[in-house]
Amino acid sequence: MGSETMENDRSFLAKEPIGTLLIKLALPAVAAQLINMLYNIVDRIYIGHIPETGALALTGVGVCLPILLIVSAFASLVGSGGAPRASIAMGRGDNEKAELIMGNCFTLQLVLSAILTIVIFAFNRPLLLAFGASENTIGYAVSYIRIYSLGTVFVQFALGMNMFITAQGFAKTSMLTVVIGAALNIVLDPIFIYVFGLGVRGAAIATVISQAVSAMWIIFFLFGKKTALRIRIQNLRLRGDVVGSVVSLGLAQFIMQSTESLISICFNSSLLKYGGDIAVGAMTICHSVMQFATTPVSGFGQGAQPITSYNFGAGKKDRVKEAYLLLLKVDMVVEFAFWAVVMLFPASLAKVFTPDASLVPYTARMLRIYMSVICLFSIQMACQATFTAIGYAKSAIIVACMRKIILLIPLIYIMPLLVRSDRVLAVFLAEPIADFLSVTFCTILFLSQFRKALRSMDRTL
């Protein structure tokens, strides 16, 4: 049975070879993740090449990054919490419960979108100043975020509800969701930025329109007849037990992304203090390259989620174990390849985002340091994805908090005190040190908790 059939039976997730399933589900998910990343990356590339003001405009949009991450974090809170719960319910043969979860998530995202839109539009200027904007860059940042905030509801649906399409095994449909929007964004960006002369405002308008088209595609699919799980009116009323279970599981991914926002604030404010706008601009590029490196493994994790969740719900221990091991191997190969590219061609990567003669060599040096441990971070990505897929919310949350809150944020401020000769370098060093320590902790925790999960499956058979 193919994954794009009109039948409601998703039992192929428990029958087909794991490797075949991972190719079917993960490759479209990886493509979707990479394309989705282009929404922001393409904006930065076009903005960075605006004549005369490109470097400052790029830094201004980079300061908006914490707000963009917060918006996507709330989408992940609902999507990554609800989609695995729905998959596990499907594995147990309870499609009615799966549809109840999805319906509640749809309503929850509407509520969150309304709140986020009001807060961001009303308080964007003081927020951006707190996030590291300077007098030179605040104008660009405000111009971008005011327009972007009006499309918050589209971002929520495009990112969060799309996970429910992937969770059912409709990987190609999920990929098309972001292909349509991203292709439109790539076409509209130069038109609004250069042809209409709108600069950063044009980039924001292009992104909002593109996300709106993606969101409409998702809504039509999930309300239609081709989906295995359908959004039904009677499931839209929020229930405390359903929302609680979704939020508890999605909290780990929310922490991962929202603390990324907090970390961006910490990095920008610290770098502005020690290195000025050029250091903040370098961090904007470093973060963009890091997104390129981590997005594929995130996609593989998303593609493996329905396989792991469905088989965990169905009590198939060997298939759960096999899915994790294959995901780990793939993630390690991908991240080692990215690490090698960064180490060999850092200046070429920097030039993708800016032609500025002073920013390119500065960024190239920092990029090698910032991403020096990325090849090991693949281990944590595989473990975190599996924790979420089997519903181990507490373990996923602990891992998320360890890397970002307990390790990285303190190190951003501690390292400049220890390496006084080059405090900007010290700030960039915080990332690889935190990654190494976090991977070590995550590996030890996973070995313990995964064995526990497998034993629990024996008891439920």
Foldseek 3Di string as FASTA:
>chain_A
DALQFLDLQLCVLVPDDLVVLLCLQLVLLLLLLVLLLCLVVVLLLVQLPDPPCSLLLSLLQLLCVLLVLLLLLVLLLLQLLLLLVLLLCVLLVNLVVNLLLLLQSLLVLVVVLVVSLVCCLVCVQVSSVLLQDDPSRSVSNNLQSNLLSVLSSLSSQLNRLLLNCSLSSVSNLSSVLSVQLSVQLNVQQCCQCPVVVPRSNSSNVSSSVSSNSSNVSSQCVQCDSRGSHHHDPVSNDHDPVSSVSSSLLSVLSSLLRSLVSVLSSLLNNLCCVQPNSLLSSLVSLLVSLVSVQCSSLLSSLSSLLSSLSSCLSNLPLVSNVVSLVVSLVVLLVSNVVSLVCLVVPVLVSQVSSHPDPVSSVVSSVLNNLLCVQSSLLSLVSSLLSSCSSNSVSVLSNVLSCQLRPVQQSVQLVVQCVVCVVRSSSSNSNSNNVSSVVSSVVNVVVSVVVSVVSSVVSVVVD
